Amino acid sequence: MSMFGWFKSSSIRTRIFILIVLGMAGVGCVAVSAKISGVQKNRYMNVLKQSQAIEAGILQIMTVEERFISTLDPAALSGLDESRKRLSSALGEIR
């Protein structure tokens, strides 16, 4: 007897129980997929935040260097080391 034939010949009580179990399994599958997609979304958001920090660090270094090139004043390079340290820490976090 096939699986469908067995289900068809079973009692109402058994059918209701099987449908409840299948419904709970479906809810479990939905919960697991929601959890997995939530974890992936959080990971993506963290990488996005870190990449924006890297972008900001690179732009800040570029502006300091551009200011030095246009003025040729060594005092314009005063914040360069701090910007490079922040960029290095941001790059370390994304790895």
PDB file of N, CA and C in Angstrom:
ATOM      1  N   MET A   1       0.852  -1.171   0.000  1.00  0.00           N
ATOM      2  CA  MET A   1       0.000   0.000   0.000  1.00  0.00           C
ATOM      3  C   MET A   1       0.904   1.242   0.000  1.00  0.00           C
ATOM      4  N   SER A   2       0.571   2.162  -0.843  1.00  0.00           N
ATOM      5  CA  SER A   2       1.382   3.376  -0.940  1.00  0.00           C
ATOM      6  C   SER A   2       1.139   4.280   0.267  1.00  0.00           C
ATOM      7  N   MET A   3       1.976   5.281   0.388  1.00  0.00           N
ATOM      8  CA  MET A   3       1.864   6.216   1.517  1.00  0.00           C
ATOM      9  C   MET A   3       0.534   6.960   1.465  1.00  0.00           C
ATOM     10  N   PHE A   4       0.132   7.375   0.264  1.00  0.00           N
ATOM     11  CA  PHE A   4      -1.133   8.091   0.128  1.00  0.00           C
ATOM     12  C   PHE A   4      -2.311   7.176   0.452  1.00  0.00           C
ATOM     13  N   GLY A   5      -2.213   5.917   0.046  1.00  0.00           N
ATOM     14  CA  GLY A   5      -3.280   4.957   0.350  1.00  0.00           C
ATOM     15  C   GLY A   5      -3.389   4.702   1.844  1.00  0.00           C
ATOM     16  N   TRP A   6      -2.261   4.642   2.526  1.00  0.00           N
ATOM     17  CA  TRP A   6      -2.283   4.445   3.970  1.00  0.00           C
ATOM     18  C   TRP A   6      -2.925   5.650   4.661  1.00  0.00           C
ATOM     19  N   PHE A   7      -2.574   6.855   4.183  1.00  0.00           N
ATOM     20  CA  PHE A   7      -3.157   8.070   4.770  1.00  0.00           C
ATOM     21  C   PHE A   7      -4.656   8.110   4.532  1.00  0.00           C
ATOM     22  N   LYS A   8      -5.067   7.677   3.339  1.00  0.00           N
ATOM     23  CA  LYS A   8      -6.485   7.703   2.981  1.00  0.00           C
ATOM     24  C   LYS A   8      -7.304   6.720   3.820  1.00  0.00           C
ATOM     25  N   SER A   9      -6.675   5.599   4.181  1.00  0.00           N
ATOM     26  CA  SER A   9      -7.418   4.591   4.939  1.00  0.00           C
ATOM     27  C   SER A   9      -7.278   4.747   6.453  1.00  0.00           C
ATOM     28  N   SER A  10      -6.497   5.725   6.921  1.00  0.00           N
ATOM     29  CA  SER A  10      -6.323   5.912   8.361  1.00  0.00           C
ATOM     30  C   SER A  10      -7.516   6.660   8.959  1.00  0.00           C
ATOM     31  N   SER A  11      -7.584   6.636  10.281  1.00  0.00           N
ATOM     32  CA  SER A  11      -8.716   7.271  10.956  1.00  0.00           C
ATOM     33  C   SER A  11      -8.567   8.793  10.945  1.00  0.00           C
ATOM     34  N   ILE A  12      -9.649   9.463  11.250  1.00  0.00           N
ATOM     35  CA  ILE A  12      -9.663  10.933  11.295  1.00  0.00           C
ATOM     36  C   ILE A  12      -8.685  11.431  12.351  1.00  0.00           C
ATOM     37  N   ARG A  13      -8.651  10.779  13.488  1.00  0.00           N
ATOM     38  CA  ARG A  13      -7.756  11.175  14.578  1.00  0.00           C
ATOM     39  C   ARG A  13      -6.290  11.103  14.123  1.00  0.00           C
ATOM     40  N   THR A  14      -5.933  10.057  13.398  1.00  0.00           N
ATOM     41  CA  THR A  14      -4.563   9.891  12.897  1.00  0.00           C
ATOM     42  C   THR A  14      -4.251  10.950  11.848  1.00  0.00           C
ATOM     43  N   ARG A  15      -5.186  11.224  10.974  1.00  0.00           N
ATOM     44  CA  ARG A  15      -4.987  12.253   9.948  1.00  0.00           C
ATOM     45  C   ARG A  15      -4.748  13.621  10.586  1.00  0.00           C
ATOM     46  N   ILE A  16      -5.557  13.964  11.580  1.00  0.00           N
ATOM     47  CA  ILE A  16      -5.398  15.258  12.256  1.00  0.00           C
ATOM     48  C   ILE A  16      -4.029  15.332  12.919  1.00  0.00           C
ATOM     49  N   PHE A  17      -3.622  14.238  13.583  1.00  0.00           N
ATOM     50  CA  PHE A  17      -2.320  14.216  14.236  1.00  0.00           C
ATOM     51  C   PHE A  17      -1.184  14.388  13.213  1.00  0.00           C
ATOM     52  N   ILE A  18      -1.271  13.705  12.091  1.00  0.00           N
ATOM     53  CA  ILE A  18      -0.241  13.811  11.051  1.00  0.00           C
ATOM     54  C   ILE A  18      -0.196  15.224  10.482  1.00  0.00           C
ATOM     55  N   LEU A  19      -1.348  15.822  10.247  1.00  0.00           N
ATOM     56  CA  LEU A  19      -1.384  17.189   9.723  1.00  0.00           C
ATOM     57  C   LEU A  19      -0.816  18.194  10.731  1.00  0.00           C
ATOM     58  N   ILE A  20      -1.071  17.970  12.019  1.00  0.00           N
ATOM     59  CA  ILE A  20      -0.505  18.845  13.049  1.00  0.00           C
ATOM     60  C   ILE A  20       1.016  18.723  13.067  1.00  0.00           C
ATOM     61  N   VAL A  21       1.515  17.479  12.990  1.00  0.00           N
ATOM     62  CA  VAL A  21       2.968  17.263  12.984  1.00  0.00           C
ATOM     63  C   VAL A  21       3.593  17.890  11.744  1.00  0.00           C
ATOM     64  N   LEU A  22       2.957  17.737  10.590  1.00  0.00           N
ATOM     65  CA  LEU A  22       3.480  18.357   9.368  1.00  0.00           C
ATOM     66  C   LEU A  22       3.455  19.884   9.461  1.00  0.00           C
ATOM     67  N   GLY A  23       2.411  20.425  10.059  1.00  0.00           N
ATOM     68  CA  GLY A  23       2.333  21.874  10.252  1.00  0.00           C
ATOM     69  C   GLY A  23       3.432  22.381  11.165  1.00  0.00           C
ATOM     70  N   MET A  24       3.689  21.644  12.247  1.00  0.00           N
ATOM     71  CA  MET A  24       4.770  22.037  13.156  1.00  0.00           C
ATOM     72  C   MET A  24       6.133  21.937  12.474  1.00  0.00           C
ATOM     73  N   ALA A  25       6.319  20.920  11.639  1.00  0.00           N
ATOM     74  CA  ALA A  25       7.576  20.789  10.903  1.00  0.00           C
ATOM     75  C   ALA A  25       7.731  21.955   9.927  1.00  0.00           C
ATOM     76  N   GLY A  26       6.640  22.363   9.293  1.00  0.00           N
ATOM     77  CA  GLY A  26       6.688  23.518   8.388  1.00  0.00           C
ATOM     78  C   GLY A  26       7.038  24.798   9.120  1.00  0.00           C
ATOM     79  N   VAL A  27       6.450  25.001  10.282  1.00  0.00           N
ATOM     80  CA  VAL A  27       6.761  26.186  11.090  1.00  0.00           C
ATOM     81  C   VAL A  27       8.229  26.151  11.522  1.00  0.00           C
ATOM     82  N   GLY A  28       8.721  24.966  11.860  1.00  0.00           N
ATOM     83  CA  GLY A  28      10.125  24.824  12.230  1.00  0.00           C
ATOM     84  C   GLY A  28      11.049  25.180  11.081  1.00  0.00           C
ATOM     85  N   CYS A  29      10.703  24.732   9.874  1.00  0.00           N
ATOM     86  CA  CYS A  29      11.517  25.059   8.697  1.00  0.00           C
ATOM     87  C   CYS A  29      11.525  26.566   8.439  1.00  0.00           C
ATOM     88  N   VAL A  30      10.384  27.199   8.587  1.00  0.00           N
ATOM     89  CA  VAL A  30      10.309  28.651   8.391  1.00  0.00           C
ATOM     90  C   VAL A  30      11.148  29.374   9.444  1.00  0.00           C
ATOM     91  N   ALA A  31      11.098  28.906  10.682  1.00  0.00           N
ATOM     92  CA  ALA A  31      11.874  29.541  11.759  1.00  0.00           C
ATOM     93  C   ALA A  31      13.369  29.394  11.512  1.00  0.00           C
ATOM     94  N   VAL A  32      13.793  28.214  11.071  1.00  0.00           N
ATOM     95  CA  VAL A  32      15.215  27.992  10.789  1.00  0.00           C
ATOM     96  C   VAL A  32      15.675  28.868   9.630  1.00  0.00           C
ATOM     97  N   SER A  33      14.882  28.946   8.581  1.00  0.00           N
ATOM     98  CA  SER A  33      15.289  29.781   7.441  1.00  0.00           C
ATOM     99  C   SER A  33      15.303  31.262   7.826  1.00  0.00           C
ATOM    100  N   ALA A  34      14.389  31.696   8.691  1.00  0.00           N
ATOM    101  CA  ALA A  34      14.396  33.085   9.153  1.00  0.00           C
ATOM    102  C   ALA A  34      15.639  33.368   9.991  1.00  0.00           C
ATOM    103  N   LYS A  35      16.032  32.419  10.818  1.00  0.00           N
ATOM    104  CA  LYS A  35      17.230  32.588  11.645  1.00  0.00           C
ATOM    105  C   LYS A  35      18.476  32.676  10.769  1.00  0.00           C
ATOM    106  N   ILE A  36      18.573  31.803   9.770  1.00  0.00           N
ATOM    107  CA  ILE A  36      19.730  31.805   8.873  1.00  0.00           C
ATOM    108  C   ILE A  36      19.795  33.111   8.096  1.00  0.00           C
ATOM    109  N   SER A  37      18.672  33.574   7.572  1.00  0.00           N
ATOM    110  CA  SER A  37      18.686  34.826   6.816  1.00  0.00           C
ATOM    111  C   SER A  37      18.986  36.013   7.726  1.00  0.00           C
ATOM    112  N   GLY A  38      18.568  35.972   8.974  1.00  0.00           N
ATOM    113  CA  GLY A  38      18.893  37.034   9.930  1.00  0.00           C
ATOM    114  C   GLY A  38      20.381  37.095  10.229  1.00  0.00           C
ATOM    115  N   VAL A  39      20.992  35.938  10.383  1.00  0.00           N
ATOM    116  CA  VAL A  39      22.439  35.887  10.631  1.00  0.00           C
ATOM    117  C   VAL A  39      23.200  36.421   9.422  1.00  0.00           C
ATOM    118  N   GLN A  40      22.772  36.020   8.224  1.00  0.00           N
ATOM    119  CA  GLN A  40      23.438  36.501   7.015  1.00  0.00           C
ATOM    120  C   GLN A  40      23.251  38.009   6.847  1.00  0.00           C
ATOM    121  N   LYS A  41      22.082  38.515   7.184  1.00  0.00           N
ATOM    122  CA  LYS A  41      21.834  39.957   7.081  1.00  0.00           C
ATOM    123  C   LYS A  41      22.721  40.726   8.053  1.00  0.00           C
ATOM    124  N   ASN A  42      22.858  40.214   9.268  1.00  0.00           N
ATOM    125  CA  ASN A  42      23.716  40.881  10.256  1.00  0.00           C
ATOM    126  C   ASN A  42      25.173  40.868   9.816  1.00  0.00           C
ATOM    127  N   ARG A  43      25.610  39.758   9.238  1.00  0.00           N
ATOM    128  CA  ARG A  43      26.982  39.673   8.744  1.00  0.00           C
ATOM    129  C   ARG A  43      27.194  40.682   7.611  1.00  0.00           C
ATOM    130  N   TYR A  44      26.229  40.786   6.720  1.00  0.00           N
ATOM    131  CA  TYR A  44      26.318  41.738   5.614  1.00  0.00           C
ATOM    132  C   TYR A  44      26.363  43.174   6.143  1.00  0.00           C
ATOM    133  N   MET A  45      25.539  43.477   7.138  1.00  0.00           N
ATOM    134  CA  MET A  45      25.515  44.831   7.692  1.00  0.00           C
ATOM    135  C   MET A  45      26.841  45.181   8.363  1.00  0.00           C
ATOM    136  N   ASN A  46      27.462  44.208   9.041  1.00  0.00           N
ATOM    137  CA  ASN A  46      28.756  44.454   9.668  1.00  0.00           C
ATOM    138  C   ASN A  46      29.830  44.729   8.624  1.00  0.00           C
ATOM    139  N   VAL A  47      29.830  43.949   7.547  1.00  0.00           N
ATOM    140  CA  VAL A  47      30.812  44.166   6.478  1.00  0.00           C
ATOM    141  C   VAL A  47      30.568  45.514   5.823  1.00  0.00           C
ATOM    142  N   LEU A  48      29.324  45.883   5.629  1.00  0.00           N
ATOM    143  CA  LEU A  48      29.006  47.181   5.041  1.00  0.00           C
ATOM    144  C   LEU A  48      29.502  48.314   5.931  1.00  0.00           C
ATOM    145  N   LYS A  49      29.279  48.200   7.228  1.00  0.00           N
ATOM    146  CA  LYS A  49      29.725  49.228   8.168  1.00  0.00           C
ATOM    147  C   LYS A  49      31.253  49.342   8.171  1.00  0.00           C
ATOM    148  N   GLN A  50      31.929  48.213   8.155  1.00  0.00           N
ATOM    149  CA  GLN A  50      33.389  48.224   8.150  1.00  0.00           C
ATOM    150  C   GLN A  50      33.941  48.767   6.837  1.00  0.00           C
ATOM    151  N   SER A  51      33.299  48.450   5.725  1.00  0.00           N
ATOM    152  CA  SER A  51      33.775  48.974   4.442  1.00  0.00           C
ATOM    153  C   SER A  51      33.561  50.485   4.352  1.00  0.00           C
ATOM    154  N   GLN A  52      32.498  50.980   4.961  1.00  0.00           N
ATOM    155  CA  GLN A  52      32.297  52.427   4.992  1.00  0.00           C
ATOM    156  C   GLN A  52      33.347  53.110   5.861  1.00  0.00           C
ATOM    157  N   ALA A  53      33.754  52.453   6.943  1.00  0.00           N
ATOM    158  CA  ALA A  53      34.821  53.003   7.785  1.00  0.00           C
ATOM    159  C   ALA A  53      36.145  53.033   7.018  1.00  0.00           C
ATOM    160  N   ILE A  54      36.396  52.004   6.236  1.00  0.00           N
ATOM    161  CA  ILE A  54      37.615  51.964   5.414  1.00  0.00           C
ATOM    162  C   ILE A  54      37.578  53.071   4.370  1.00  0.00           C
ATOM    163  N   GLU A  55      36.423  53.232   3.740  1.00  0.00           N
ATOM    164  CA  GLU A  55      36.277  54.289   2.737  1.00  0.00           C
ATOM    165  C   GLU A  55      36.523  55.663   3.349  1.00  0.00           C
ATOM    166  N   ALA A  56      35.960  55.894   4.525  1.00  0.00           N
ATOM    167  CA  ALA A  56      36.145  57.187   5.187  1.00  0.00           C
ATOM    168  C   ALA A  56      37.608  57.402   5.550  1.00  0.00           C
ATOM    169  N   GLY A  57      38.287  56.352   6.002  1.00  0.00           N
ATOM    170  CA  GLY A  57      39.704  56.467   6.337  1.00  0.00           C
ATOM    171  C   GLY A  57      40.562  56.790   5.129  1.00  0.00           C
ATOM    172  N   ILE A  58      40.282  56.148   4.020  1.00  0.00           N
ATOM    173  CA  ILE A  58      41.047  56.410   2.797  1.00  0.00           C
ATOM    174  C   ILE A  58      40.811  57.844   2.325  1.00  0.00           C
ATOM    175  N   LEU A  59      39.576  58.288   2.360  1.00  0.00           N
ATOM    176  CA  LEU A  59      39.276  59.663   1.941  1.00  0.00           C
ATOM    177  C   LEU A  59      39.945  60.684   2.852  1.00  0.00           C
ATOM    178  N   GLN A  60      39.981  60.387   4.137  1.00  0.00           N
ATOM    179  CA  GLN A  60      40.626  61.309   5.073  1.00  0.00           C
ATOM    180  C   GLN A  60      42.129  61.391   4.801  1.00  0.00           C
ATOM    181  N   ILE A  61      42.751  60.251   4.548  1.00  0.00           N
ATOM    182  CA  ILE A  61      44.181  60.244   4.221  1.00  0.00           C
ATOM    183  C   ILE A  61      44.438  61.006   2.926  1.00  0.00           C
ATOM    184  N   MET A  62      43.562  60.811   1.965  1.00  0.00           N
ATOM    185  CA  MET A  62      43.729  61.520   0.684  1.00  0.00           C
ATOM    186  C   MET A  62      43.610  63.030   0.850  1.00  0.00           C
ATOM    187  N   THR A  63      42.687  63.476   1.688  1.00  0.00           N
ATOM    188  CA  THR A  63      42.549  64.926   1.883  1.00  0.00           C
ATOM    189  C   THR A  63      43.757  65.508   2.612  1.00  0.00           C
ATOM    190  N   VAL A  64      44.295  64.768   3.572  1.00  0.00           N
ATOM    191  CA  VAL A  64      45.492  65.244   4.273  1.00  0.00           C
ATOM    192  C   VAL A  64      46.661  65.344   3.296  1.00  0.00           C
ATOM    193  N   GLU A  65      46.830  64.316   2.453  1.00  0.00           N
ATOM    194  CA  GLU A  65      47.919  64.341   1.476  1.00  0.00           C
ATOM    195  C   GLU A  65      47.728  65.455   0.451  1.00  0.00           C
ATOM    196  N   GLU A  66      46.484  65.652   0.028  1.00  0.00           N
ATOM    197  CA  GLU A  66      46.211  66.721  -0.941  1.00  0.00           C
ATOM    198  C   GLU A  66      46.506  68.097  -0.332  1.00  0.00           C
ATOM    199  N   ARG A  67      46.131  68.265   0.937  1.00  0.00           N
ATOM    200  CA  ARG A  67      46.412  69.524   1.622  1.00  0.00           C
ATOM    201  C   ARG A  67      47.931  69.755   1.719  1.00  0.00           C
ATOM    202  N   PHE A  68      48.694  68.697   1.985  1.00  0.00           N
ATOM    203  CA  PHE A  68      50.150  68.831   2.061  1.00  0.00           C
ATOM    204  C   PHE A  68      50.739  69.181   0.694  1.00  0.00           C
ATOM    205  N   ILE A  69      50.239  68.535  -0.364  1.00  0.00           N
ATOM    206  CA  ILE A  69      50.761  68.803  -1.707  1.00  0.00           C
ATOM    207  C   ILE A  69      50.478  70.238  -2.120  1.00  0.00           C
ATOM    208  N   SER A  70      49.313  70.742  -1.781  1.00  0.00           N
ATOM    209  CA  SER A  70      48.976  72.101  -2.198  1.00  0.00           C
ATOM    210  C   SER A  70      49.685  73.168  -1.365  1.00  0.00           C
ATOM    211  N   THR A  71      49.994  72.872  -0.089  1.00  0.00           N
ATOM    212  CA  THR A  71      50.619  73.894   0.758  1.00  0.00           C
ATOM    213  C   THR A  71      52.105  73.648   1.003  1.00  0.00           C
ATOM    214  N   LEU A  72      52.561  72.418   0.849  1.00  0.00           N
ATOM    215  CA  LEU A  72      53.939  72.008   1.157  1.00  0.00           C
ATOM    216  C   LEU A  72      54.332  72.359   2.588  1.00  0.00           C
ATOM    217  N   ASP A  73      53.357  72.307   3.465  1.00  0.00           N
ATOM    218  CA  ASP A  73      53.578  72.592   4.880  1.00  0.00           C
ATOM    219  C   ASP A  73      53.636  71.255   5.636  1.00  0.00           C
ATOM    220  N   PRO A  74      54.765  70.935   6.281  1.00  0.00           N
ATOM    221  CA  PRO A  74      54.857  69.661   7.015  1.00  0.00           C
ATOM    222  C   PRO A  74      53.843  69.544   8.151  1.00  0.00           C
ATOM    223  N   ALA A  75      53.341  70.639   8.644  1.00  0.00           N
ATOM    224  CA  ALA A  75      52.338  70.602   9.709  1.00  0.00           C
ATOM    225  C   ALA A  75      51.017  70.018   9.205  1.00  0.00           C
ATOM    226  N   ALA A  76      50.790  70.046   7.891  1.00  0.00           N
ATOM    227  CA  ALA A  76      49.557  69.493   7.321  1.00  0.00           C
ATOM    228  C   ALA A  76      49.527  67.975   7.444  1.00  0.00           C
ATOM    229  N   LEU A  77      50.681  67.350   7.629  1.00  0.00           N
ATOM    230  CA  LEU A  77      50.752  65.896   7.755  1.00  0.00           C
ATOM    231  C   LEU A  77      50.599  65.416   9.196  1.00  0.00           C
ATOM    232  N   SER A  78      50.256  66.314  10.095  1.00  0.00           N
ATOM    233  CA  SER A  78      50.203  65.962  11.522  1.00  0.00           C
ATOM    234  C   SER A  78      49.169  64.866  11.823  1.00  0.00           C
ATOM    235  N   GLY A  79      48.046  64.842  11.144  1.00  0.00           N
ATOM    236  CA  GLY A  79      47.007  63.849  11.421  1.00  0.00           C
ATOM    237  C   GLY A  79      47.113  62.599  10.582  1.00  0.00           C
ATOM    238  N   LEU A  80      48.154  62.483   9.786  1.00  0.00           N
ATOM    239  CA  LEU A  80      48.280  61.358   8.865  1.00  0.00           C
ATOM    240  C   LEU A  80      48.506  60.042   9.603  1.00  0.00           C
ATOM    241  N   ASP A  81      49.359  60.049  10.604  1.00  0.00           N
ATOM    242  CA  ASP A  81      49.624  58.807  11.343  1.00  0.00           C
ATOM    243  C   ASP A  81      48.373  58.292  12.045  1.00  0.00           C
ATOM    244  N   GLU A  82      47.610  59.190  12.642  1.00  0.00           N
ATOM    245  CA  GLU A  82      46.364  58.792  13.321  1.00  0.00           C
ATOM    246  C   GLU A  82      45.361  58.215  12.325  1.00  0.00           C
ATOM    247  N   SER A  83      45.255  58.828  11.162  1.00  0.00           N
ATOM    248  CA  SER A  83      44.328  58.332  10.129  1.00  0.00           C
ATOM    249  C   SER A  83      44.758  56.962   9.626  1.00  0.00           C
ATOM    250  N   ARG A  84      46.048  56.761   9.469  1.00  0.00           N
ATOM    251  CA  ARG A  84      46.545  55.463   9.012  1.00  0.00           C
ATOM    252  C   ARG A  84      46.316  54.380  10.065  1.00  0.00           C
ATOM    253  N   LYS A  85      46.437  54.714  11.330  1.00  0.00           N
ATOM    254  CA  LYS A  85      46.170  53.741  12.394  1.00  0.00           C
ATOM    255  C   LYS A  85      44.699  53.335  12.387  1.00  0.00           C
ATOM    256  N   ARG A  86      43.803  54.323  12.219  1.00  0.00           N
ATOM    257  CA  ARG A  86      42.371  54.007  12.153  1.00  0.00           C
ATOM    258  C   ARG A  86      42.048  53.149  10.939  1.00  0.00           C
ATOM    259  N   LEU A  87      42.694  53.433   9.826  1.00  0.00           N
ATOM    260  CA  LEU A  87      42.477  52.640   8.615  1.00  0.00           C
ATOM    261  C   LEU A  87      42.983  51.217   8.822  1.00  0.00           C
ATOM    262  N   SER A  88      44.135  51.064   9.445  1.00  0.00           N
ATOM    263  CA  SER A  88      44.682  49.728   9.709  1.00  0.00           C
ATOM    264  C   SER A  88      43.771  48.931  10.633  1.00  0.00           C
ATOM    265  N   SER A  89      43.222  49.584  11.637  1.00  0.00           N
ATOM    266  CA  SER A  89      42.313  48.865  12.549  1.00  0.00           C
ATOM    267  C   SER A  89      41.029  48.467  11.835  1.00  0.00           C
ATOM    268  N   ALA A  90      40.520  49.319  10.957  1.00  0.00           N
ATOM    269  CA  ALA A  90      39.319  48.979  10.194  1.00  0.00           C
ATOM    270  C   ALA A  90      39.588  47.815   9.245  1.00  0.00           C
ATOM    271  N   LEU A  91      40.766  47.813   8.629  1.00  0.00           N
ATOM    272  CA  LEU A  91      41.129  46.699   7.741  1.00  0.00           C
ATOM    273  C   LEU A  91      41.313  45.416   8.536  1.00  0.00           C
ATOM    274  N   GLY A  92      41.845  45.527   9.740  1.00  0.00           N
ATOM    275  CA  GLY A  92      42.007  44.337  10.589  1.00  0.00           C
ATOM    276  C   GLY A  92      40.659  43.742  11.000  1.00  0.00           C
ATOM    277  N   GLU A  93      39.667  44.585  11.234  1.00  0.00           N
ATOM    278  CA  GLU A  93      38.347  44.095  11.631  1.00  0.00           C
ATOM    279  C   GLU A  93      37.651  43.354  10.499  1.00  0.00           C
ATOM    280  N   ILE A  94      37.852  43.803   9.280  1.00  0.00           N
ATOM    281  CA  ILE A  94      37.124  43.181   8.170  1.00  0.00           C
ATOM    282  C   ILE A  94      37.739  41.832   7.783  1.00  0.00           C
ATOM    283  N   ARG A  95      38.973  41.623   8.133  1.00  0.00           N
ATOM    284  CA  ARG A  95      39.612  40.322   7.853  1.00  0.00           C
ATOM    285  C   ARG A  95      39.130  39.344   8.869  1.00  0.00           C
TER     286      ARG A  95
END
